[in-house]
Amino acid sequence: MKTAITEMFGIEHPIIQGGMHYVGFAELAAAVSNAGGLGIITGLTQRTPELLAKEIARCRDMTDKPFGVNLTFLPTFSAPPYPEYIAAIRECGIKVVETAGRSPEQYMPALKAGGIKVIHKCTSVRHSLKAEQIGCDAVSVDGFECGGHPGEDDMPNMILLPRAAEELKIPFVASGGMADARSLVAALAMGAAGMNMGTRFIATKEAPVHQNVKDALVKATELDTRLVMRGLRNTERVLNNKGVEQLLEIERAKGKQLKIEDIHDQVAGVYPKVMIDGDMDAGAWSCGMVAGLIHDIPTVKELIDRIMADAERIIRQRLTGFLDDAGKRPAAALAIA
């Protein structure tokens, strides 16, 4: 399948693995790229730019296909040395960077000077247009269904994607709620040139996380995520657990007086406890509503091959079938098809 995204990034399938903290290691990124998608190493999971360079080298040993690096610009307890991370990315010859969180505008000159294609994750049309204006090559349009930070507009993809298609000149992919062939075909129908999957890729054999995490995703339904930090205007969608319930109770008790320090124990340092140790009640970790569509733990290749085969079947058989049969059915049947 060829789209503007496959052409831009030199990949076979219009599927991108989004950056995920303590998930986007070389093993997963290489598996996605080897299966024809675009794998992404999560830059800030590596504690220093030097460690990121080593992780990129490790990924290169596993794949000769294109892969990228995620850099997320978000409020944190201590600001990472972003210029040094970008320097490491450039020196390692990476040509695709997924940015997220705050605008990457101040870092765009350094990224573009390295010949890097930038795809910025946006939760609104206005932010997507800003990304286009500052020189991003593509955007990942992130609907309210997504894991992690969905923005503050609560805009679902059924509205957000067509609106993005109306306004943007650069290509975009759909992010949030993406899990299977139905997701991909729907995204393409609404104007996207591909899709970005995060949570779905955690439940794969190659994802370097504890088995408890994968099992929790298979067990979860679409009703099992919660929104935290709304009062701080730093909303995050996470999988519910005992730590999250404690966090929500603190938020209710503090009300408008809530400060980030009040929930430090429930949001800081949680990812290693969950992803490495398998402590599913440690606190808040990003998870999309798409958990309700995760029913198995395949290999990355099995997942991507299944998505692409099913997408072709949906397009060629189900969708064109509606048109091919249109002249053969009575008017009443057409009205309810």
C-alpha atoms as a PDB file:
ATOM      1  CA  MET A   1       0.000   0.000   0.000  1.00  0.00           C
ATOM      2  CA  LYS A   2       1.457   3.355  -1.054  1.00  0.00           C
ATOM      3  CA  THR A   3       0.518   6.603   0.663  1.00  0.00           C
ATOM      4  CA  ALA A   4       2.207   9.957   1.213  1.00  0.00           C
ATOM      5  CA  ILE A   5       3.545   8.558   4.517  1.00  0.00           C
ATOM      6  CA  THR A   6       5.075   5.395   3.051  1.00  0.00           C
ATOM      7  CA  GLU A   7       6.728   7.520   0.372  1.00  0.00           C
ATOM      8  CA  MET A   8       8.006  10.137   2.825  1.00  0.00           C
ATOM      9  CA  PHE A   9       9.590   7.663   5.228  1.00  0.00           C
ATOM     10  CA  GLY A  10      10.579   4.935   2.785  1.00  0.00           C
ATOM     11  CA  ILE A  11       8.473   2.219   4.438  1.00  0.00           C
ATOM     12  CA  GLU A  12       6.298  -0.565   3.041  1.00  0.00           C
ATOM     13  CA  HIS A  13       3.157  -0.147   5.154  1.00  0.00           C
ATOM     14  CA  PRO A  14       1.543   3.082   6.451  1.00  0.00           C
ATOM     15  CA  ILE A  15       1.901   2.036  10.087  1.00  0.00           C
ATOM     16  CA  ILE A  16       4.009   3.916  12.654  1.00  0.00           C
ATOM     17  CA  GLN A  17       4.862   2.709  16.146  1.00  0.00           C
ATOM     18  CA  GLY A  18       4.523   5.700  18.430  1.00  0.00           C
ATOM     19  CA  GLY A  19       7.096   6.550  21.070  1.00  0.00           C
ATOM     20  CA  MET A  20       6.248   5.034  24.449  1.00  0.00           C
ATOM     21  CA  HIS A  21       8.168   5.464  27.695  1.00  0.00           C
ATOM     22  CA  TYR A  22       9.996   2.274  28.738  1.00  0.00           C
ATOM     23  CA  VAL A  23       8.470   0.457  25.739  1.00  0.00           C
ATOM     24  CA  GLY A  24      10.157   2.008  22.707  1.00  0.00           C
ATOM     25  CA  PHE A  25      13.441   0.168  22.956  1.00  0.00           C
ATOM     26  CA  ALA A  26      15.491  -1.179  20.053  1.00  0.00           C
ATOM     27  CA  GLU A  27      13.782  -4.593  20.140  1.00  0.00           C
ATOM     28  CA  LEU A  28      10.334  -3.208  19.395  1.00  0.00           C
ATOM     29  CA  ALA A  29      11.448  -0.497  16.976  1.00  0.00           C
ATOM     30  CA  ALA A  30      13.463  -2.999  14.929  1.00  0.00           C
ATOM     31  CA  ALA A  31      10.606  -5.503  14.870  1.00  0.00           C
ATOM     32  CA  VAL A  32       8.178  -2.866  13.550  1.00  0.00           C
ATOM     33  CA  SER A  33      10.619  -1.664  10.906  1.00  0.00           C
ATOM     34  CA  ASN A  34      11.469  -5.217   9.823  1.00  0.00           C
ATOM     35  CA  ALA A  35       7.739  -5.892   9.415  1.00  0.00           C
ATOM     36  CA  GLY A  36       7.415  -2.940   7.023  1.00  0.00           C
ATOM     37  CA  GLY A  37       6.290  -0.181   9.391  1.00  0.00           C
ATOM     38  CA  LEU A  38       8.237   2.646  11.007  1.00  0.00           C
ATOM     39  CA  GLY A  39       9.686   1.721  14.391  1.00  0.00           C
ATOM     40  CA  ILE A  40      10.388   4.447  16.929  1.00  0.00           C
ATOM     41  CA  ILE A  41      12.908   4.472  19.793  1.00  0.00           C
ATOM     42  CA  THR A  42      11.727   6.556  22.748  1.00  0.00           C
ATOM     43  CA  GLY A  43      14.529   9.059  23.255  1.00  0.00           C
ATOM     44  CA  LEU A  44      13.936  10.139  26.843  1.00  0.00           C
ATOM     45  CA  THR A  45      13.660   6.575  28.136  1.00  0.00           C
ATOM     46  CA  GLN A  46      17.415   6.629  27.637  1.00  0.00           C
ATOM     47  CA  ARG A  47      18.697   8.656  30.595  1.00  0.00           C
ATOM     48  CA  THR A  48      21.482  10.387  28.671  1.00  0.00           C
ATOM     49  CA  PRO A  49      22.199  11.285  25.024  1.00  0.00           C
ATOM     50  CA  GLU A  50      25.119   8.826  25.150  1.00  0.00           C
ATOM     51  CA  LEU A  51      22.783   5.996  26.125  1.00  0.00           C
ATOM     52  CA  LEU A  52      20.418   7.000  23.322  1.00  0.00           C
ATOM     53  CA  ALA A  53      23.283   6.737  20.828  1.00  0.00           C
ATOM     54  CA  LYS A  54      24.002   3.219  22.099  1.00  0.00           C
ATOM     55  CA  GLU A  55      20.325   2.264  21.765  1.00  0.00           C
ATOM     56  CA  ILE A  56      20.251   3.561  18.178  1.00  0.00           C
ATOM     57  CA  ALA A  57      23.362   1.502  17.401  1.00  0.00           C
ATOM     58  CA  ARG A  58      21.703  -1.551  18.956  1.00  0.00           C
ATOM     59  CA  CYS A  59      18.649  -1.035  16.751  1.00  0.00           C
ATOM     60  CA  ARG A  60      20.877  -0.732  13.682  1.00  0.00           C
ATOM     61  CA  ASP A  61      22.276  -4.173  14.500  1.00  0.00           C
ATOM     62  CA  MET A  62      18.721  -5.546  14.347  1.00  0.00           C
ATOM     63  CA  THR A  63      17.377  -3.868  11.205  1.00  0.00           C
ATOM     64  CA  ASP A  64      18.536  -2.247   8.001  1.00  0.00           C
ATOM     65  CA  LYS A  65      15.137  -0.612   7.513  1.00  0.00           C
ATOM     66  CA  PRO A  66      14.226   3.008   8.393  1.00  0.00           C
ATOM     67  CA  PHE A  67      13.421   3.772  12.026  1.00  0.00           C
ATOM     68  CA  GLY A  68      13.087   6.970  14.021  1.00  0.00           C
ATOM     69  CA  VAL A  69      13.401   8.485  17.485  1.00  0.00           C
ATOM     70  CA  ASN A  70      10.714  10.103  19.632  1.00  0.00           C
ATOM     71  CA  LEU A  71      11.404  13.302  21.582  1.00  0.00           C
ATOM     72  CA  THR A  72       8.630  14.458  23.896  1.00  0.00           C
ATOM     73  CA  PHE A  73       8.610  18.038  25.151  1.00  0.00           C
ATOM     74  CA  LEU A  74       6.499  17.992  28.306  1.00  0.00           C
ATOM     75  CA  PRO A  75       6.559  19.589  31.749  1.00  0.00           C
ATOM     76  CA  THR A  76       8.786  17.379  33.894  1.00  0.00           C
ATOM     77  CA  PHE A  77      10.339  17.548  37.337  1.00  0.00           C
ATOM     78  CA  SER A  78      13.721  18.137  35.691  1.00  0.00           C
ATOM     79  CA  ALA A  79      14.155  19.360  32.101  1.00  0.00           C
ATOM     80  CA  PRO A  80      16.167  16.986  29.855  1.00  0.00           C
ATOM     81  CA  PRO A  81      19.090  18.379  27.806  1.00  0.00           C
ATOM     82  CA  TYR A  82      17.176  18.449  24.532  1.00  0.00           C
ATOM     83  CA  PRO A  83      19.957  20.007  22.407  1.00  0.00           C
ATOM     84  CA  GLU A  84      22.309  17.210  23.421  1.00  0.00           C
ATOM     85  CA  TYR A  85      19.704  14.565  22.573  1.00  0.00           C
ATOM     86  CA  ILE A  86      19.185  16.157  19.148  1.00  0.00           C
ATOM     87  CA  ALA A  87      22.945  16.243  18.588  1.00  0.00           C
ATOM     88  CA  ALA A  88      23.127  12.511  19.349  1.00  0.00           C
ATOM     89  CA  ILE A  89      20.234  11.807  16.979  1.00  0.00           C
ATOM     90  CA  ARG A  90      21.939  13.746  14.190  1.00  0.00           C
ATOM     91  CA  GLU A  91      25.325  12.166  14.774  1.00  0.00           C
ATOM     92  CA  CYS A  92      23.757   8.711  14.606  1.00  0.00           C
ATOM     93  CA  GLY A  93      22.269   9.482  11.191  1.00  0.00           C
ATOM     94  CA  ILE A  94      18.611   9.227  12.208  1.00  0.00           C
ATOM     95  CA  LYS A  95      16.383  10.767   9.517  1.00  0.00           C
ATOM     96  CA  VAL A  96      12.960  10.636  11.223  1.00  0.00           C
ATOM     97  CA  VAL A  97      12.020  12.209  14.553  1.00  0.00           C
ATOM     98  CA  GLU A  98       8.577  12.010  16.136  1.00  0.00           C
ATOM     99  CA  THR A  99       8.035  14.996  18.413  1.00  0.00           C
ATOM    100  CA  ALA A 100       5.245  15.282  20.958  1.00  0.00           C
ATOM    101  CA  GLY A 101       4.020  17.476  23.780  1.00  0.00           C
ATOM    102  CA  ARG A 102       4.980  21.107  23.491  1.00  0.00           C
ATOM    103  CA  SER A 103       5.829  22.696  20.160  1.00  0.00           C
ATOM    104  CA  PRO A 104       9.221  21.678  18.751  1.00  0.00           C
ATOM    105  CA  GLU A 105       9.615  25.106  17.116  1.00  0.00           C
ATOM    106  CA  GLN A 106      12.791  26.142  18.933  1.00  0.00           C
ATOM    107  CA  TYR A 107      14.454  22.847  17.982  1.00  0.00           C
ATOM    108  CA  MET A 108      13.360  22.754  14.345  1.00  0.00           C
ATOM    109  CA  PRO A 109      16.485  24.482  12.936  1.00  0.00           C
ATOM    110  CA  ALA A 110      18.747  21.871  14.535  1.00  0.00           C
ATOM    111  CA  LEU A 111      16.547  19.002  13.371  1.00  0.00           C
ATOM    112  CA  LYS A 112      16.202  20.279   9.800  1.00  0.00           C
ATOM    113  CA  ALA A 113      19.931  21.023   9.575  1.00  0.00           C
ATOM    114  CA  GLY A 114      20.438  17.301  10.127  1.00  0.00           C
ATOM    115  CA  GLY A 115      18.187  16.440   7.173  1.00  0.00           C
ATOM    116  CA  ILE A 116      15.606  15.029   9.563  1.00  0.00           C
ATOM    117  CA  LYS A 117      11.926  14.559   8.710  1.00  0.00           C
ATOM    118  CA  VAL A 118       9.794  15.684  11.657  1.00  0.00           C
ATOM    119  CA  ILE A 119       6.360  14.278  12.433  1.00  0.00           C
ATOM    120  CA  HIS A 120       4.738  16.117  15.343  1.00  0.00           C
ATOM    121  CA  LYS A 121       1.947  14.618  17.435  1.00  0.00           C
ATOM    122  CA  CYS A 122      -0.998  17.038  17.737  1.00  0.00           C
ATOM    123  CA  THR A 123      -4.320  16.821  19.556  1.00  0.00           C
ATOM    124  CA  SER A 124      -6.077  19.609  17.655  1.00  0.00           C
ATOM    125  CA  VAL A 125      -6.377  21.146  14.211  1.00  0.00           C
ATOM    126  CA  ARG A 126      -4.899  24.439  15.419  1.00  0.00           C
ATOM    127  CA  HIS A 127      -1.809  22.705  16.759  1.00  0.00           C
ATOM    128  CA  SER A 128      -1.532  20.702  13.528  1.00  0.00           C
ATOM    129  CA  LEU A 129      -1.606  23.911  11.508  1.00  0.00           C
ATOM    130  CA  LYS A 130       1.070  25.392  13.765  1.00  0.00           C
ATOM    131  CA  ALA A 131       3.224  22.300  13.191  1.00  0.00           C
ATOM    132  CA  GLU A 132       2.781  22.740   9.457  1.00  0.00           C
ATOM    133  CA  GLN A 133       3.672  26.429   9.733  1.00  0.00           C
ATOM    134  CA  ILE A 134       6.939  25.811  11.613  1.00  0.00           C
ATOM    135  CA  GLY A 135       8.116  23.287   9.042  1.00  0.00           C
ATOM    136  CA  CYS A 136       7.065  19.856  10.276  1.00  0.00           C
ATOM    137  CA  ASP A 137       6.908  17.380   7.413  1.00  0.00           C
ATOM    138  CA  ALA A 138       3.879  15.507   8.743  1.00  0.00           C
ATOM    139  CA  VAL A 139       1.678  15.346  11.809  1.00  0.00           C
ATOM    140  CA  SER A 140       0.240  12.556  13.901  1.00  0.00           C
ATOM    141  CA  VAL A 141      -3.310  13.630  14.731  1.00  0.00           C
ATOM    142  CA  ASP A 142      -4.116  12.305  18.189  1.00  0.00           C
ATOM    143  CA  GLY A 143      -7.767  11.837  19.114  1.00  0.00           C
ATOM    144  CA  PHE A 144      -9.316  11.869  22.585  1.00  0.00           C
ATOM    145  CA  GLU A 145      -9.291   8.055  22.632  1.00  0.00           C
ATOM    146  CA  CYS A 146      -5.495   7.949  22.821  1.00  0.00           C
ATOM    147  CA  GLY A 147      -3.282   6.792  25.639  1.00  0.00           C
ATOM    148  CA  GLY A 148      -1.046   9.423  27.152  1.00  0.00           C
ATOM    149  CA  HIS A 149      -1.838  13.090  26.651  1.00  0.00           C
ATOM    150  CA  PRO A 150      -5.021  13.722  24.601  1.00  0.00           C
ATOM    151  CA  GLY A 151      -4.948  17.499  24.990  1.00  0.00           C
ATOM    152  CA  GLU A 152      -7.722  19.511  26.573  1.00  0.00           C
ATOM    153  CA  ASP A 153     -10.316  19.695  23.764  1.00  0.00           C
ATOM    154  CA  ASP A 154     -11.733  16.157  24.181  1.00  0.00           C
ATOM    155  CA  MET A 155     -12.044  15.800  20.408  1.00  0.00           C
ATOM    156  CA  PRO A 156     -12.563  12.234  19.106  1.00  0.00           C
ATOM    157  CA  ASN A 157     -11.055  11.069  15.847  1.00  0.00           C
ATOM    158  CA  MET A 158     -14.358  10.819  13.958  1.00  0.00           C
ATOM    159  CA  ILE A 159     -14.369  14.625  13.983  1.00  0.00           C
ATOM    160  CA  LEU A 160     -10.688  15.456  14.368  1.00  0.00           C
ATOM    161  CA  LEU A 161      -9.407  13.494  11.363  1.00  0.00           C
ATOM    162  CA  PRO A 162     -11.812  14.924   8.754  1.00  0.00           C
ATOM    163  CA  ARG A 163     -11.186  18.404  10.122  1.00  0.00           C
ATOM    164  CA  ALA A 164      -7.452  17.875   9.801  1.00  0.00           C
ATOM    165  CA  ALA A 165      -7.976  16.714   6.213  1.00  0.00           C
ATOM    166  CA  GLU A 166      -9.901  19.899   5.470  1.00  0.00           C
ATOM    167  CA  GLU A 167      -7.176  22.176   6.794  1.00  0.00           C
ATOM    168  CA  LEU A 168      -3.753  20.562   6.356  1.00  0.00           C
ATOM    169  CA  LYS A 169      -1.530  20.583   3.303  1.00  0.00           C
ATOM    170  CA  ILE A 170       1.070  18.210   4.779  1.00  0.00           C
ATOM    171  CA  PRO A 171       0.246  14.510   5.243  1.00  0.00           C
ATOM    172  CA  PHE A 172      -0.954  13.184   8.571  1.00  0.00           C
ATOM    173  CA  VAL A 173      -1.513   9.867  10.284  1.00  0.00           C
ATOM    174  CA  ALA A 174      -4.314   8.947  12.668  1.00  0.00           C
ATOM    175  CA  SER A 175      -3.352   8.271  16.273  1.00  0.00           C
ATOM    176  CA  GLY A 176      -5.543   7.222  19.191  1.00  0.00           C
ATOM    177  CA  GLY A 177      -7.840   4.203  19.010  1.00  0.00           C
ATOM    178  CA  MET A 178      -5.802   2.530  16.265  1.00  0.00           C
ATOM    179  CA  ALA A 179      -5.609  -1.262  16.623  1.00  0.00           C
ATOM    180  CA  ASP A 180      -6.390  -3.188  13.464  1.00  0.00           C
ATOM    181  CA  ALA A 181      -7.359  -3.130   9.781  1.00  0.00           C
ATOM    182  CA  ARG A 182     -10.651  -1.418  10.543  1.00  0.00           C
ATOM    183  CA  SER A 183      -8.724   1.399  12.190  1.00  0.00           C
ATOM    184  CA  LEU A 184      -6.441   1.782   9.185  1.00  0.00           C
ATOM    185  CA  VAL A 185      -9.205   1.734   6.555  1.00  0.00           C
ATOM    186  CA  ALA A 186     -11.306   4.193   8.567  1.00  0.00           C
ATOM    187  CA  ALA A 187      -8.307   6.508   8.985  1.00  0.00           C
ATOM    188  CA  LEU A 188      -7.606   6.417   5.253  1.00  0.00           C
ATOM    189  CA  ALA A 189     -11.272   7.114   4.514  1.00  0.00           C
ATOM    190  CA  MET A 190     -11.163  10.200   6.721  1.00  0.00           C
ATOM    191  CA  GLY A 191      -8.138  11.639   4.963  1.00  0.00           C
ATOM    192  CA  ALA A 192      -5.167  10.236   6.874  1.00  0.00           C
ATOM    193  CA  ALA A 193      -2.219   8.703   5.033  1.00  0.00           C
ATOM    194  CA  GLY A 194      -1.666   5.996   7.647  1.00  0.00           C
ATOM    195  CA  MET A 195      -1.942   5.300  11.353  1.00  0.00           C
ATOM    196  CA  ASN A 196       0.148   5.491  14.491  1.00  0.00           C
ATOM    197  CA  MET A 197      -0.275   2.684  17.034  1.00  0.00           C
ATOM    198  CA  GLY A 198       1.009   2.836  20.578  1.00  0.00           C
ATOM    199  CA  THR A 199      -0.884   0.729  23.088  1.00  0.00           C
ATOM    200  CA  ARG A 200      -1.523  -2.049  20.539  1.00  0.00           C
ATOM    201  CA  PHE A 201       2.186  -2.580  20.020  1.00  0.00           C
ATOM    202  CA  ILE A 202       2.733  -3.110  23.760  1.00  0.00           C
ATOM    203  CA  ALA A 203       0.732  -6.344  23.495  1.00  0.00           C
ATOM    204  CA  THR A 204       3.182  -8.026  21.118  1.00  0.00           C
ATOM    205  CA  LYS A 205       5.759 -10.698  21.729  1.00  0.00           C
ATOM    206  CA  GLU A 206       8.692  -8.387  20.950  1.00  0.00           C
ATOM    207  CA  ALA A 207       7.584  -5.539  23.217  1.00  0.00           C
ATOM    208  CA  PRO A 208      10.279  -5.511  25.942  1.00  0.00           C
ATOM    209  CA  VAL A 209       7.870  -5.176  28.858  1.00  0.00           C
ATOM    210  CA  HIS A 210       6.775  -7.489  31.673  1.00  0.00           C
ATOM    211  CA  GLN A 211       4.247 -10.166  30.750  1.00  0.00           C
ATOM    212  CA  ASN A 212       1.880  -8.729  33.373  1.00  0.00           C
ATOM    213  CA  VAL A 213       1.534  -5.586  31.236  1.00  0.00           C
ATOM    214  CA  LYS A 214       0.621  -7.546  28.114  1.00  0.00           C
ATOM    215  CA  ASP A 215      -1.842  -9.698  30.020  1.00  0.00           C
ATOM    216  CA  ALA A 216      -3.443  -6.608  31.561  1.00  0.00           C
ATOM    217  CA  LEU A 217      -4.040  -5.132  28.095  1.00  0.00           C
ATOM    218  CA  VAL A 218      -5.683  -8.316  26.835  1.00  0.00           C
ATOM    219  CA  LYS A 219      -7.883  -8.416  29.944  1.00  0.00           C
ATOM    220  CA  ALA A 220      -8.830  -4.728  29.870  1.00  0.00           C
ATOM    221  CA  THR A 221     -11.922  -3.321  28.173  1.00  0.00           C
ATOM    222  CA  GLU A 222     -12.560   0.077  26.639  1.00  0.00           C
ATOM    223  CA  LEU A 223     -14.014   1.122  30.017  1.00  0.00           C
ATOM    224  CA  ASP A 224     -10.817   0.567  32.005  1.00  0.00           C
ATOM    225  CA  THR A 225      -8.879   3.779  31.346  1.00  0.00           C
ATOM    226  CA  ARG A 226      -9.032   6.940  33.435  1.00  0.00           C
ATOM    227  CA  LEU A 227      -8.156  10.595  32.827  1.00  0.00           C
ATOM    228  CA  VAL A 228      -5.776  12.056  35.394  1.00  0.00           C
ATOM    229  CA  MET A 229      -4.220  15.496  35.931  1.00  0.00           C
ATOM    230  CA  ARG A 230      -7.172  17.273  34.304  1.00  0.00           C
ATOM    231  CA  GLY A 231      -7.071  19.998  36.915  1.00  0.00           C
ATOM    232  CA  LEU A 232      -3.440  20.695  36.003  1.00  0.00           C
ATOM    233  CA  ARG A 233      -4.316  20.952  32.298  1.00  0.00           C
ATOM    234  CA  ASN A 234      -1.868  18.146  31.692  1.00  0.00           C
ATOM    235  CA  THR A 235      -4.480  15.471  31.099  1.00  0.00           C
ATOM    236  CA  GLU A 236      -3.244  11.909  30.681  1.00  0.00           C
ATOM    237  CA  ARG A 237      -5.219   8.766  29.826  1.00  0.00           C
ATOM    238  CA  VAL A 238      -3.963   5.819  31.885  1.00  0.00           C
ATOM    239  CA  LEU A 239      -4.996   2.267  32.714  1.00  0.00           C
ATOM    240  CA  ASN A 240      -6.888   2.098  35.977  1.00  0.00           C
ATOM    241  CA  ASN A 241      -5.185   0.453  38.953  1.00  0.00           C
ATOM    242  CA  LYS A 242      -4.843   0.973  42.707  1.00  0.00           C
ATOM    243  CA  GLY A 243      -2.214   3.684  42.273  1.00  0.00           C
ATOM    244  CA  VAL A 244      -4.457   5.549  39.827  1.00  0.00           C
ATOM    245  CA  GLU A 245      -7.398   5.283  42.218  1.00  0.00           C
ATOM    246  CA  GLN A 246      -5.219   6.837  44.942  1.00  0.00           C
ATOM    247  CA  LEU A 247      -4.246   9.605  42.529  1.00  0.00           C
ATOM    248  CA  LEU A 248      -7.866  10.351  41.663  1.00  0.00           C
ATOM    249  CA  GLU A 249      -8.778  10.443  45.349  1.00  0.00           C
ATOM    250  CA  ILE A 250      -6.010  13.010  45.973  1.00  0.00           C
ATOM    251  CA  GLU A 251      -7.308  15.068  43.043  1.00  0.00           C
ATOM    252  CA  ARG A 252     -10.840  15.005  44.454  1.00  0.00           C
ATOM    253  CA  ALA A 253      -9.645  15.974  47.929  1.00  0.00           C
ATOM    254  CA  LYS A 254      -7.389  18.824  46.724  1.00  0.00           C
ATOM    255  CA  GLY A 255      -9.759  20.189  44.110  1.00  0.00           C
ATOM    256  CA  LYS A 256      -8.538  23.465  42.647  1.00  0.00           C
ATOM    257  CA  GLN A 257      -5.641  23.529  45.117  1.00  0.00           C
ATOM    258  CA  LEU A 258      -4.034  20.506  43.446  1.00  0.00           C
ATOM    259  CA  LYS A 259      -0.338  20.814  42.583  1.00  0.00           C
ATOM    260  CA  ILE A 260       1.847  18.362  40.691  1.00  0.00           C
ATOM    261  CA  GLU A 261       3.814  17.756  43.893  1.00  0.00           C
ATOM    262  CA  ASP A 262       0.659  16.331  45.507  1.00  0.00           C
ATOM    263  CA  ILE A 263       0.629  13.373  43.139  1.00  0.00           C
ATOM    264  CA  HIS A 264       4.375  12.944  42.698  1.00  0.00           C
ATOM    265  CA  ASP A 265       4.397   9.371  44.057  1.00  0.00           C
ATOM    266  CA  GLN A 266       1.622   8.282  41.681  1.00  0.00           C
ATOM    267  CA  VAL A 267       3.163   9.700  38.487  1.00  0.00           C
ATOM    268  CA  ALA A 268       6.954   9.909  38.954  1.00  0.00           C
ATOM    269  CA  GLY A 269       9.171   6.884  38.438  1.00  0.00           C
ATOM    270  CA  VAL A 270       6.198   4.649  37.710  1.00  0.00           C
ATOM    271  CA  TYR A 271       7.211   3.259  34.317  1.00  0.00           C
ATOM    272  CA  PRO A 272      10.156   1.078  35.422  1.00  0.00           C
ATOM    273  CA  LYS A 273       8.001  -0.388  38.189  1.00  0.00           C
ATOM    274  CA  VAL A 274       5.258  -1.284  35.712  1.00  0.00           C
ATOM    275  CA  MET A 275       7.098  -2.109  32.507  1.00  0.00           C
ATOM    276  CA  ILE A 276      10.154  -3.834  34.008  1.00  0.00           C
ATOM    277  CA  ASP A 277       8.956  -5.160  37.370  1.00  0.00           C
ATOM    278  CA  GLY A 278       5.350  -5.868  36.359  1.00  0.00           C
ATOM    279  CA  ASP A 279       3.847  -4.020  39.343  1.00  0.00           C
ATOM    280  CA  MET A 280       0.447  -3.257  37.843  1.00  0.00           C
ATOM    281  CA  ASP A 281      -0.694  -1.104  40.776  1.00  0.00           C
ATOM    282  CA  ALA A 282       2.368   1.171  40.910  1.00  0.00           C
ATOM    283  CA  GLY A 283       0.646   4.259  39.517  1.00  0.00           C
ATOM    284  CA  ALA A 284      -0.304   6.071  36.328  1.00  0.00           C
ATOM    285  CA  TRP A 285       0.962   4.719  33.006  1.00  0.00           C
ATOM    286  CA  SER A 286      -0.341   5.673  29.582  1.00  0.00           C
ATOM    287  CA  CYS A 287      -2.898   3.389  27.967  1.00  0.00           C
ATOM    288  CA  GLY A 288      -5.491   4.055  25.279  1.00  0.00           C
ATOM    289  CA  MET A 289      -9.141   3.083  25.149  1.00  0.00           C
ATOM    290  CA  VAL A 290      -8.001   0.808  22.333  1.00  0.00           C
ATOM    291  CA  ALA A 291      -7.252  -1.764  25.045  1.00  0.00           C
ATOM    292  CA  GLY A 292     -10.831  -2.896  24.447  1.00  0.00           C
ATOM    293  CA  LEU A 293      -9.789  -4.058  20.959  1.00  0.00           C
ATOM    294  CA  ILE A 294      -6.719  -6.012  22.082  1.00  0.00           C
ATOM    295  CA  HIS A 295      -7.475  -9.720  22.331  1.00  0.00           C
ATOM    296  CA  ASP A 296      -4.146 -11.451  21.711  1.00  0.00           C
ATOM    297  CA  ILE A 297      -0.365 -11.106  21.887  1.00  0.00           C
ATOM    298  CA  PRO A 298       1.006 -11.783  18.387  1.00  0.00           C
ATOM    299  CA  THR A 299       4.453 -11.113  17.016  1.00  0.00           C
ATOM    300  CA  VAL A 300       4.836  -7.665  15.477  1.00  0.00           C
ATOM    301  CA  LYS A 301       5.071  -9.213  12.010  1.00  0.00           C
ATOM    302  CA  GLU A 302       1.917 -11.266  12.574  1.00  0.00           C
ATOM    303  CA  LEU A 303       0.091  -8.135  13.713  1.00  0.00           C
ATOM    304  CA  ILE A 304       1.176  -5.936  10.812  1.00  0.00           C
ATOM    305  CA  ASP A 305       0.678  -8.670   8.204  1.00  0.00           C
ATOM    306  CA  ARG A 306      -2.810  -9.296   9.586  1.00  0.00           C
ATOM    307  CA  ILE A 307      -3.667  -5.606   9.507  1.00  0.00           C
ATOM    308  CA  MET A 308      -2.558  -5.185   5.906  1.00  0.00           C
ATOM    309  CA  ALA A 309      -4.246  -8.378   4.657  1.00  0.00           C
ATOM    310  CA  ASP A 310      -7.501  -7.531   6.428  1.00  0.00           C
ATOM    311  CA  ALA A 311      -7.358  -3.917   5.217  1.00  0.00           C
ATOM    312  CA  GLU A 312      -7.105  -5.068   1.609  1.00  0.00           C
ATOM    313  CA  ARG A 313      -9.993  -7.465   2.165  1.00  0.00           C
ATOM    314  CA  ILE A 314     -12.155  -4.719   3.686  1.00  0.00           C
ATOM    315  CA  ILE A 315     -11.413  -2.322   0.838  1.00  0.00           C
ATOM    316  CA  ARG A 316     -11.670  -4.795  -2.055  1.00  0.00           C
ATOM    317  CA  GLN A 317     -14.536  -6.936  -0.807  1.00  0.00           C
ATOM    318  CA  ARG A 318     -16.663  -5.161   1.790  1.00  0.00           C
ATOM    319  CA  LEU A 319     -16.443  -1.571   0.558  1.00  0.00           C
ATOM    320  CA  THR A 320     -16.387  -2.111  -3.199  1.00  0.00           C
ATOM    321  CA  GLY A 321     -19.000  -4.794  -2.632  1.00  0.00           C
ATOM    322  CA  PHE A 322     -21.462  -2.123  -1.567  1.00  0.00           C
ATOM    323  CA  LEU A 323     -20.940  -0.412  -4.920  1.00  0.00           C
ATOM    324  CA  ASP A 324     -20.825  -3.575  -7.034  1.00  0.00           C
ATOM    325  CA  ASP A 325     -24.123  -4.790  -5.596  1.00  0.00           C
ATOM    326  CA  ALA A 326     -25.837  -1.403  -5.621  1.00  0.00           C
ATOM    327  CA  GLY A 327     -27.586  -1.885  -8.936  1.00  0.00           C
ATOM    328  CA  LYS A 328     -28.809  -5.368  -8.047  1.00  0.00           C
ATOM    329  CA  ARG A 329     -30.777  -4.524  -4.907  1.00  0.00           C
ATOM    330  CA  PRO A 330     -34.202  -2.891  -4.523  1.00  0.00           C
ATOM    331  CA  ALA A 331     -34.367   0.717  -3.346  1.00  0.00           C
ATOM    332  CA  ALA A 332     -35.498  -0.234   0.166  1.00  0.00           C
ATOM    333  CA  ALA A 333     -32.419  -2.414   0.650  1.00  0.00           C
ATOM    334  CA  LEU A 334     -30.126   0.362  -0.535  1.00  0.00           C
ATOM    335  CA  ALA A 335     -31.604   2.743   2.023  1.00  0.00           C
ATOM    336  CA  ILE A 336     -30.570   0.558   4.966  1.00  0.00           C
ATOM    337  CA  ALA A 337     -27.266  -0.873   3.630  1.00  0.00           C
END
